[in-house]
Amino acid sequence: MLLPSENLAADSPTHEDLTAQLRKGGLVIYFRHASTEKDHADQVSADRSNCCTQRTLSEQGWHEAEMIGSSMSLLNIPAGAVYSSEYCRA
């Protein structure tokens, strides 16, 4: 996800420059996870195979995750190996 232009310093690359670099591939893109339900914490004994024991993505988080994937596809940003946590929010 690219930063809004108002957050970029004057000497920072433009969105176009960043997109061009991402299209070349060979980079590692790291995401923690999208927005989660803040009123539901992981249980002390969270079971990674049972999402009910974990803090999950909020509705906004699902939209964010979909937007990230759609944006990468629309911008033709290649994806190689994908590594993910076993937690449902990842």
PDB file of N, CA and C in Angstrom:
ATOM      1  N   MET A   1       0.856  -1.164   0.000  1.00  0.00           N
ATOM      2  CA  MET A   1       0.000   0.000   0.000  1.00  0.00           C
ATOM      3  C   MET A   1       0.902   1.226   0.000  1.00  0.00           C
ATOM      4  N   LEU A   2       0.678   2.141  -0.908  1.00  0.00           N
ATOM      5  CA  LEU A   2       1.514   3.325  -1.009  1.00  0.00           C
ATOM      6  C   LEU A   2       1.045   4.392  -0.036  1.00  0.00           C
ATOM      7  N   LEU A   3       1.981   5.181   0.437  1.00  0.00           N
ATOM      8  CA  LEU A   3       1.655   6.240   1.376  1.00  0.00           C
ATOM      9  C   LEU A   3       0.942   7.393   0.679  1.00  0.00           C
ATOM     10  N   PRO A   4       0.009   8.059   1.362  1.00  0.00           N
ATOM     11  CA  PRO A   4      -0.612   9.253   0.777  1.00  0.00           C
ATOM     12  C   PRO A   4       0.456  10.296   0.493  1.00  0.00           C
ATOM     13  N   SER A   5       0.305  11.040  -0.591  1.00  0.00           N
ATOM     14  CA  SER A   5       1.329  11.979  -1.020  1.00  0.00           C
ATOM     15  C   SER A   5       1.638  13.039   0.024  1.00  0.00           C
ATOM     16  N   GLU A   6       0.663  13.416   0.855  1.00  0.00           N
ATOM     17  CA  GLU A   6       0.937  14.441   1.857  1.00  0.00           C
ATOM     18  C   GLU A   6       1.875  13.954   2.950  1.00  0.00           C
ATOM     19  N   ASN A   7       2.102  12.636   3.038  1.00  0.00           N
ATOM     20  CA  ASN A   7       3.013  12.095   4.038  1.00  0.00           C
ATOM     21  C   ASN A   7       4.427  11.902   3.493  1.00  0.00           C
ATOM     22  N   LEU A   8       4.617  12.133   2.205  1.00  0.00           N
ATOM     23  CA  LEU A   8       5.929  11.934   1.612  1.00  0.00           C
ATOM     24  C   LEU A   8       6.777  13.186   1.771  1.00  0.00           C
ATOM     25  N   ALA A   9       8.030  13.011   2.148  1.00  0.00           N
ATOM     26  CA  ALA A   9       8.949  14.138   2.247  1.00  0.00           C
ATOM     27  C   ALA A   9       9.276  14.637   0.848  1.00  0.00           C
ATOM     28  N   ALA A  10       9.757  15.849   0.759  1.00  0.00           N
ATOM     29  CA  ALA A  10      10.051  16.469  -0.535  1.00  0.00           C
ATOM     30  C   ALA A  10      11.040  15.655  -1.362  1.00  0.00           C
ATOM     31  N   ASP A  11      11.995  14.976  -0.713  1.00  0.00           N
ATOM     32  CA  ASP A  11      12.989  14.203  -1.453  1.00  0.00           C
ATOM     33  C   ASP A  11      12.610  12.733  -1.598  1.00  0.00           C
ATOM     34  N   SER A  12      11.413  12.369  -1.217  1.00  0.00           N
ATOM     35  CA  SER A  12      10.952  10.993  -1.329  1.00  0.00           C
ATOM     36  C   SER A  12      10.537  10.689  -2.762  1.00  0.00           C
ATOM     37  N   PRO A  13      10.611   9.409  -3.150  1.00  0.00           N
ATOM     38  CA  PRO A  13      10.159   9.045  -4.497  1.00  0.00           C
ATOM     39  C   PRO A  13       8.657   9.270  -4.649  1.00  0.00           C
ATOM     40  N   THR A  14       8.230   9.476  -5.875  1.00  0.00           N
ATOM     41  CA  THR A  14       6.809   9.668  -6.170  1.00  0.00           C
ATOM     42  C   THR A  14       6.092   8.322  -6.149  1.00  0.00           C
ATOM     43  N   HIS A  15       4.767   8.358  -6.160  1.00  0.00           N
ATOM     44  CA  HIS A  15       3.983   7.120  -6.248  1.00  0.00           C
ATOM     45  C   HIS A  15       4.372   6.354  -7.505  1.00  0.00           C
ATOM     46  N   GLU A  16       4.567   7.083  -8.592  1.00  0.00           N
ATOM     47  CA  GLU A  16       4.929   6.444  -9.861  1.00  0.00           C
ATOM     48  C   GLU A  16       6.283   5.743  -9.745  1.00  0.00           C
ATOM     49  N   ASP A  17       7.254   6.401  -9.075  1.00  0.00           N
ATOM     50  CA  ASP A  17       8.573   5.793  -8.879  1.00  0.00           C
ATOM     51  C   ASP A  17       8.469   4.523  -8.026  1.00  0.00           C
ATOM     52  N   LEU A  18       7.695   4.593  -6.949  1.00  0.00           N
ATOM     53  CA  LEU A  18       7.522   3.431  -6.081  1.00  0.00           C
ATOM     54  C   LEU A  18       6.836   2.290  -6.812  1.00  0.00           C
ATOM     55  N   THR A  19       5.810   2.612  -7.580  1.00  0.00           N
ATOM     56  CA  THR A  19       5.088   1.590  -8.335  1.00  0.00           C
ATOM     57  C   THR A  19       6.011   0.936  -9.356  1.00  0.00           C
ATOM     58  N   ALA A  20       6.828   1.732 -10.030  1.00  0.00           N
ATOM     59  CA  ALA A  20       7.768   1.188 -11.013  1.00  0.00           C
ATOM     60  C   ALA A  20       8.757   0.243 -10.344  1.00  0.00           C
ATOM     61  N   GLN A  21       9.255   0.606  -9.168  1.00  0.00           N
ATOM     62  CA  GLN A  21      10.179  -0.269  -8.434  1.00  0.00           C
ATOM     63  C   GLN A  21       9.497  -1.572  -8.040  1.00  0.00           C
ATOM     64  N   LEU A  22       8.254  -1.485  -7.551  1.00  0.00           N
ATOM     65  CA  LEU A  22       7.519  -2.687  -7.162  1.00  0.00           C
ATOM     66  C   LEU A  22       7.249  -3.587  -8.356  1.00  0.00           C
ATOM     67  N   ARG A  23       6.965  -3.010  -9.518  1.00  0.00           N
ATOM     68  CA  ARG A  23       6.696  -3.799 -10.729  1.00  0.00           C
ATOM     69  C   ARG A  23       7.916  -4.591 -11.175  1.00  0.00           C
ATOM     70  N   LYS A  24       9.108  -4.112 -10.855  1.00  0.00           N
ATOM     71  CA  LYS A  24      10.334  -4.819 -11.244  1.00  0.00           C
ATOM     72  C   LYS A  24      10.481  -6.135 -10.484  1.00  0.00           C
ATOM     73  N   GLY A  25       9.838  -6.212  -9.325  1.00  0.00           N
ATOM     74  CA  GLY A  25       9.941  -7.428  -8.522  1.00  0.00           C
ATOM     75  C   GLY A  25      11.251  -7.479  -7.751  1.00  0.00           C
ATOM     76  N   GLY A  26      11.488  -8.600  -7.100  1.00  0.00           N
ATOM     77  CA  GLY A  26      12.723  -8.800  -6.357  1.00  0.00           C
ATOM     78  C   GLY A  26      12.737  -8.131  -4.994  1.00  0.00           C
ATOM     79  N   LEU A  27      11.617  -7.598  -4.547  1.00  0.00           N
ATOM     80  CA  LEU A  27      11.524  -6.927  -3.257  1.00  0.00           C
ATOM     81  C   LEU A  27      10.717  -7.767  -2.278  1.00  0.00           C
ATOM     82  N   VAL A  28      10.887  -7.500  -1.007  1.00  0.00           N
ATOM     83  CA  VAL A  28      10.075  -8.130   0.031  1.00  0.00           C
ATOM     84  C   VAL A  28       9.052  -7.097   0.480  1.00  0.00           C
ATOM     85  N   ILE A  29       7.786  -7.457   0.414  1.00  0.00           N
ATOM     86  CA  ILE A  29       6.705  -6.585   0.874  1.00  0.00           C
ATOM     87  C   ILE A  29       6.158  -7.217   2.143  1.00  0.00           C
ATOM     88  N   TYR A  30       6.167  -6.471   3.223  1.00  0.00           N
ATOM     89  CA  TYR A  30       5.757  -6.998   4.520  1.00  0.00           C
ATOM     90  C   TYR A  30       4.480  -6.313   4.978  1.00  0.00           C
ATOM     91  N   PHE A  31       3.499  -7.106   5.354  1.00  0.00           N
ATOM     92  CA  PHE A  31       2.263  -6.613   5.948  1.00  0.00           C
ATOM     93  C   PHE A  31       2.094  -7.304   7.293  1.00  0.00           C
ATOM     94  N   ARG A  32       1.684  -6.565   8.286  1.00  0.00           N
ATOM     95  CA  ARG A  32       1.365  -7.184   9.574  1.00  0.00           C
ATOM     96  C   ARG A  32       0.012  -7.862   9.442  1.00  0.00           C
ATOM     97  N   HIS A  33      -1.038  -7.109   9.354  1.00  0.00           N
ATOM     98  CA  HIS A  33      -2.376  -7.579   9.017  1.00  0.00           C
ATOM     99  C   HIS A  33      -3.253  -6.352   8.910  1.00  0.00           C
ATOM    100  N   ALA A  34      -4.413  -6.502   8.343  1.00  0.00           N
ATOM    101  CA  ALA A  34      -5.345  -5.387   8.212  1.00  0.00           C
ATOM    102  C   ALA A  34      -6.034  -5.153   9.565  1.00  0.00           C
ATOM    103  N   SER A  35      -6.939  -4.199   9.610  1.00  0.00           N
ATOM    104  CA  SER A  35      -7.626  -3.830  10.858  1.00  0.00           C
ATOM    105  C   SER A  35      -8.376  -5.020  11.458  1.00  0.00           C
ATOM    106  N   THR A  36      -8.336  -5.097  12.782  1.00  0.00           N
ATOM    107  CA  THR A  36      -8.982  -6.206  13.484  1.00  0.00           C
ATOM    108  C   THR A  36     -10.077  -5.702  14.411  1.00  0.00           C
ATOM    109  N   GLU A  37     -10.855  -6.664  14.910  1.00  0.00           N
ATOM    110  CA  GLU A  37     -11.868  -6.365  15.914  1.00  0.00           C
ATOM    111  C   GLU A  37     -11.153  -6.050  17.215  1.00  0.00           C
ATOM    112  N   LYS A  38     -11.243  -4.832  17.669  1.00  0.00           N
ATOM    113  CA  LYS A  38     -10.489  -4.414  18.859  1.00  0.00           C
ATOM    114  C   LYS A  38     -11.123  -4.898  20.160  1.00  0.00           C
ATOM    115  N   ASP A  39     -12.400  -5.255  20.124  1.00  0.00           N
ATOM    116  CA  ASP A  39     -13.067  -5.684  21.355  1.00  0.00           C
ATOM    117  C   ASP A  39     -12.954  -7.195  21.582  1.00  0.00           C
ATOM    118  N   HIS A  40     -12.179  -7.878  20.764  1.00  0.00           N
ATOM    119  CA  HIS A  40     -12.031  -9.324  20.909  1.00  0.00           C
ATOM    120  C   HIS A  40     -10.543  -9.661  20.861  1.00  0.00           C
ATOM    121  N   ALA A  41      -9.947  -9.912  21.997  1.00  0.00           N
ATOM    122  CA  ALA A  41      -8.520 -10.252  22.067  1.00  0.00           C
ATOM    123  C   ALA A  41      -8.323 -11.746  21.873  1.00  0.00           C
ATOM    124  N   ASP A  42      -7.095 -12.123  21.523  1.00  0.00           N
ATOM    125  CA  ASP A  42      -6.763 -13.543  21.468  1.00  0.00           C
ATOM    126  C   ASP A  42      -6.969 -14.147  22.856  1.00  0.00           C
ATOM    127  N   GLN A  43      -7.469 -15.353  22.891  1.00  0.00           N
ATOM    128  CA  GLN A  43      -7.626 -16.062  24.154  1.00  0.00           C
ATOM    129  C   GLN A  43      -6.243 -16.492  24.649  1.00  0.00           C
ATOM    130  N   VAL A  44      -6.133 -16.742  25.943  1.00  0.00           N
ATOM    131  CA  VAL A  44      -4.849 -17.149  26.516  1.00  0.00           C
ATOM    132  C   VAL A  44      -4.323 -18.385  25.807  1.00  0.00           C
ATOM    133  N   SER A  45      -5.206 -19.299  25.512  1.00  0.00           N
ATOM    134  CA  SER A  45      -4.804 -20.519  24.804  1.00  0.00           C
ATOM    135  C   SER A  45      -5.388 -20.511  23.393  1.00  0.00           C
ATOM    136  N   ALA A  46      -5.040 -19.484  22.620  1.00  0.00           N
ATOM    137  CA  ALA A  46      -5.555 -19.377  21.256  1.00  0.00           C
ATOM    138  C   ALA A  46      -5.205 -20.622  20.453  1.00  0.00           C
ATOM    139  N   ASP A  47      -6.207 -21.161  19.802  1.00  0.00           N
ATOM    140  CA  ASP A  47      -6.046 -22.334  18.948  1.00  0.00           C
ATOM    141  C   ASP A  47      -5.978 -21.822  17.512  1.00  0.00           C
ATOM    142  N   ARG A  48      -4.819 -21.986  16.871  1.00  0.00           N
ATOM    143  CA  ARG A  48      -4.645 -21.444  15.518  1.00  0.00           C
ATOM    144  C   ARG A  48      -5.570 -22.093  14.497  1.00  0.00           C
ATOM    145  N   SER A  49      -6.171 -23.232  14.824  1.00  0.00           N
ATOM    146  CA  SER A  49      -7.109 -23.864  13.894  1.00  0.00           C
ATOM    147  C   SER A  49      -8.555 -23.469  14.197  1.00  0.00           C
ATOM    148  N   ASN A  50      -8.749 -22.602  15.218  1.00  0.00           N
ATOM    149  CA  ASN A  50     -10.098 -22.180  15.596  1.00  0.00           C
ATOM    150  C   ASN A  50     -10.136 -20.651  15.679  1.00  0.00           C
ATOM    151  N   CYS A  51     -10.696 -20.031  14.657  1.00  0.00           N
ATOM    152  CA  CYS A  51     -10.729 -18.563  14.582  1.00  0.00           C
ATOM    153  C   CYS A  51     -11.508 -17.937  15.733  1.00  0.00           C
ATOM    154  N   CYS A  52     -12.404 -18.669  16.352  1.00  0.00           N
ATOM    155  CA  CYS A  52     -13.202 -18.132  17.464  1.00  0.00           C
ATOM    156  C   CYS A  52     -12.350 -17.814  18.688  1.00  0.00           C
ATOM    157  N   THR A  53     -11.146 -18.381  18.776  1.00  0.00           N
ATOM    158  CA  THR A  53     -10.269 -18.124  19.918  1.00  0.00           C
ATOM    159  C   THR A  53      -9.270 -17.005  19.622  1.00  0.00           C
ATOM    160  N   GLN A  54      -9.416 -16.350  18.468  1.00  0.00           N
ATOM    161  CA  GLN A  54      -8.453 -15.351  18.021  1.00  0.00           C
ATOM    162  C   GLN A  54      -9.127 -14.010  17.728  1.00  0.00           C
ATOM    163  N   ARG A  55      -8.317 -12.950  17.745  1.00  0.00           N
ATOM    164  CA  ARG A  55      -8.793 -11.652  17.275  1.00  0.00           C
ATOM    165  C   ARG A  55      -8.793 -11.727  15.747  1.00  0.00           C
ATOM    166  N   THR A  56      -9.914 -11.429  15.142  1.00  0.00           N
ATOM    167  CA  THR A  56     -10.046 -11.574  13.690  1.00  0.00           C
ATOM    168  C   THR A  56     -10.139 -10.215  13.012  1.00  0.00           C
ATOM    169  N   LEU A  57     -10.076 -10.235  11.699  1.00  0.00           N
ATOM    170  CA  LEU A  57     -10.224  -8.998  10.941  1.00  0.00           C
ATOM    171  C   LEU A  57     -11.619  -8.429  11.138  1.00  0.00           C
ATOM    172  N   SER A  58     -11.680  -7.122  11.225  1.00  0.00           N
ATOM    173  CA  SER A  58     -12.976  -6.438  11.277  1.00  0.00           C
ATOM    174  C   SER A  58     -13.510  -6.361   9.847  1.00  0.00           C
ATOM    175  N   GLU A  59     -14.737  -5.889   9.706  1.00  0.00           N
ATOM    176  CA  GLU A  59     -15.288  -5.707   8.355  1.00  0.00           C
ATOM    177  C   GLU A  59     -14.393  -4.755   7.565  1.00  0.00           C
ATOM    178  N   GLN A  60     -13.926  -3.698   8.223  1.00  0.00           N
ATOM    179  CA  GLN A  60     -13.008  -2.763   7.561  1.00  0.00           C
ATOM    180  C   GLN A  60     -11.732  -3.488   7.145  1.00  0.00           C
ATOM    181  N   GLY A  61     -11.227  -4.367   8.005  1.00  0.00           N
ATOM    182  CA  GLY A  61     -10.023  -5.131   7.706  1.00  0.00           C
ATOM    183  C   GLY A  61     -10.186  -6.024   6.488  1.00  0.00           C
ATOM    184  N   TRP A  62     -11.362  -6.656   6.351  1.00  0.00           N
ATOM    185  CA  TRP A  62     -11.627  -7.474   5.158  1.00  0.00           C
ATOM    186  C   TRP A  62     -11.588  -6.611   3.907  1.00  0.00           C
ATOM    187  N   HIS A  63     -12.179  -5.412   3.981  1.00  0.00           N
ATOM    188  CA  HIS A  63     -12.152  -4.499   2.826  1.00  0.00           C
ATOM    189  C   HIS A  63     -10.722  -4.056   2.520  1.00  0.00           C
ATOM    190  N   GLU A  64      -9.939  -3.763   3.572  1.00  0.00           N
ATOM    191  CA  GLU A  64      -8.542  -3.371   3.379  1.00  0.00           C
ATOM    192  C   GLU A  64      -7.752  -4.486   2.699  1.00  0.00           C
ATOM    193  N   ALA A  65      -7.920  -5.709   3.169  1.00  0.00           N
ATOM    194  CA  ALA A  65      -7.199  -6.844   2.597  1.00  0.00           C
ATOM    195  C   ALA A  65      -7.576  -7.047   1.129  1.00  0.00           C
ATOM    196  N   GLU A  66      -8.856  -6.943   0.828  1.00  0.00           N
ATOM    197  CA  GLU A  66      -9.302  -7.070  -0.561  1.00  0.00           C
ATOM    198  C   GLU A  66      -8.716  -5.953  -1.420  1.00  0.00           C
ATOM    199  N   MET A  67      -8.664  -4.731  -0.880  1.00  0.00           N
ATOM    200  CA  MET A  67      -8.122  -3.597  -1.616  1.00  0.00           C
ATOM    201  C   MET A  67      -6.625  -3.773  -1.888  1.00  0.00           C
ATOM    202  N   ILE A  68      -5.900  -4.301  -0.920  1.00  0.00           N
ATOM    203  CA  ILE A  68      -4.465  -4.554  -1.117  1.00  0.00           C
ATOM    204  C   ILE A  68      -4.261  -5.520  -2.278  1.00  0.00           C
ATOM    205  N   GLY A  69      -4.991  -6.627  -2.261  1.00  0.00           N
ATOM    206  CA  GLY A  69      -4.864  -7.608  -3.338  1.00  0.00           C
ATOM    207  C   GLY A  69      -5.282  -7.046  -4.680  1.00  0.00           C
ATOM    208  N   SER A  70      -6.391  -6.331  -4.720  1.00  0.00           N
ATOM    209  CA  SER A  70      -6.871  -5.737  -5.970  1.00  0.00           C
ATOM    210  C   SER A  70      -5.883  -4.706  -6.499  1.00  0.00           C
ATOM    211  N   SER A  71      -5.323  -3.912  -5.594  1.00  0.00           N
ATOM    212  CA  SER A  71      -4.369  -2.874  -5.999  1.00  0.00           C
ATOM    213  C   SER A  71      -3.098  -3.482  -6.572  1.00  0.00           C
ATOM    214  N   MET A  72      -2.603  -4.538  -5.939  1.00  0.00           N
ATOM    215  CA  MET A  72      -1.399  -5.186  -6.461  1.00  0.00           C
ATOM    216  C   MET A  72      -1.658  -5.767  -7.840  1.00  0.00           C
ATOM    217  N   SER A  73      -2.831  -6.337  -8.033  1.00  0.00           N
ATOM    218  CA  SER A  73      -3.189  -6.891  -9.336  1.00  0.00           C
ATOM    219  C   SER A  73      -3.341  -5.787 -10.379  1.00  0.00           C
ATOM    220  N   LEU A  74      -4.080  -4.738 -10.034  1.00  0.00           N
ATOM    221  CA  LEU A  74      -4.320  -3.618 -10.947  1.00  0.00           C
ATOM    222  C   LEU A  74      -3.013  -2.940 -11.354  1.00  0.00           C
ATOM    223  N   LEU A  75      -2.082  -2.816 -10.410  1.00  0.00           N
ATOM    224  CA  LEU A  75      -0.806  -2.148 -10.677  1.00  0.00           C
ATOM    225  C   LEU A  75       0.253  -3.088 -11.256  1.00  0.00           C
ATOM    226  N   ASN A  76      -0.136  -4.349 -11.494  1.00  0.00           N
ATOM    227  CA  ASN A  76       0.782  -5.350 -12.060  1.00  0.00           C
ATOM    228  C   ASN A  76       2.029  -5.536 -11.206  1.00  0.00           C
ATOM    229  N   ILE A  77       1.835  -5.624  -9.896  1.00  0.00           N
ATOM    230  CA  ILE A  77       2.937  -5.872  -8.976  1.00  0.00           C
ATOM    231  C   ILE A  77       3.040  -7.382  -8.785  1.00  0.00           C
ATOM    232  N   PRO A  78       4.175  -7.966  -9.172  1.00  0.00           N
ATOM    233  CA  PRO A  78       4.299  -9.428  -9.079  1.00  0.00           C
ATOM    234  C   PRO A  78       4.415  -9.904  -7.634  1.00  0.00           C
ATOM    235  N   ALA A  79       3.943 -11.107  -7.407  1.00  0.00           N
ATOM    236  CA  ALA A  79       4.067 -11.736  -6.090  1.00  0.00           C
ATOM    237  C   ALA A  79       4.684 -13.113  -6.280  1.00  0.00           C
ATOM    238  N   GLY A  80       5.727 -13.371  -5.545  1.00  0.00           N
ATOM    239  CA  GLY A  80       6.372 -14.676  -5.586  1.00  0.00           C
ATOM    240  C   GLY A  80       5.857 -15.501  -4.429  1.00  0.00           C
ATOM    241  N   ALA A  81       6.773 -15.969  -3.613  1.00  0.00           N
ATOM    242  CA  ALA A  81       6.404 -16.761  -2.438  1.00  0.00           C
ATOM    243  C   ALA A  81       5.664 -15.880  -1.438  1.00  0.00           C
ATOM    244  N   VAL A  82       4.633 -16.450  -0.836  1.00  0.00           N
ATOM    245  CA  VAL A  82       3.863 -15.746   0.187  1.00  0.00           C
ATOM    246  C   VAL A  82       3.956 -16.562   1.468  1.00  0.00           C
ATOM    247  N   TYR A  83       4.405 -15.913   2.540  1.00  0.00           N
ATOM    248  CA  TYR A  83       4.512 -16.555   3.842  1.00  0.00           C
ATOM    249  C   TYR A  83       3.516 -15.888   4.768  1.00  0.00           C
ATOM    250  N   SER A  84       2.803 -16.685   5.537  1.00  0.00           N
ATOM    251  CA  SER A  84       1.768 -16.139   6.401  1.00  0.00           C
ATOM    252  C   SER A  84       1.756 -16.847   7.743  1.00  0.00           C
ATOM    253  N   SER A  85       1.351 -16.116   8.751  1.00  0.00           N
ATOM    254  CA  SER A  85       1.114 -16.688  10.069  1.00  0.00           C
ATOM    255  C   SER A  85      -0.047 -17.677   9.971  1.00  0.00           C
ATOM    256  N   GLU A  86      -0.146 -18.555  10.933  1.00  0.00           N
ATOM    257  CA  GLU A  86      -1.262 -19.498  10.966  1.00  0.00           C
ATOM    258  C   GLU A  86      -2.518 -18.868  11.561  1.00  0.00           C
ATOM    259  N   TYR A  87      -2.392 -17.642  12.115  1.00  0.00           N
ATOM    260  CA  TYR A  87      -3.548 -16.983  12.684  1.00  0.00           C
ATOM    261  C   TYR A  87      -4.531 -16.559  11.590  1.00  0.00           C
ATOM    262  N   CYS A  88      -5.806 -16.618  11.881  1.00  0.00           N
ATOM    263  CA  CYS A  88      -6.850 -16.348  10.893  1.00  0.00           C
ATOM    264  C   CYS A  88      -6.781 -14.930  10.347  1.00  0.00           C
ATOM    265  N   ARG A  89      -6.343 -13.958  11.134  1.00  0.00           N
ATOM    266  CA  ARG A  89      -6.304 -12.576  10.662  1.00  0.00           C
ATOM    267  C   ARG A  89      -5.216 -12.351   9.613  1.00  0.00           C
ATOM    268  N   ALA A  90      -4.291 -13.294   9.497  1.00  0.00           N
ATOM    269  CA  ALA A  90      -3.228 -13.166   8.504  1.00  0.00           C
ATOM    270  C   ALA A  90      -3.682 -13.767   7.187  1.00  0.00           C
TER     271      ALA A  90
END
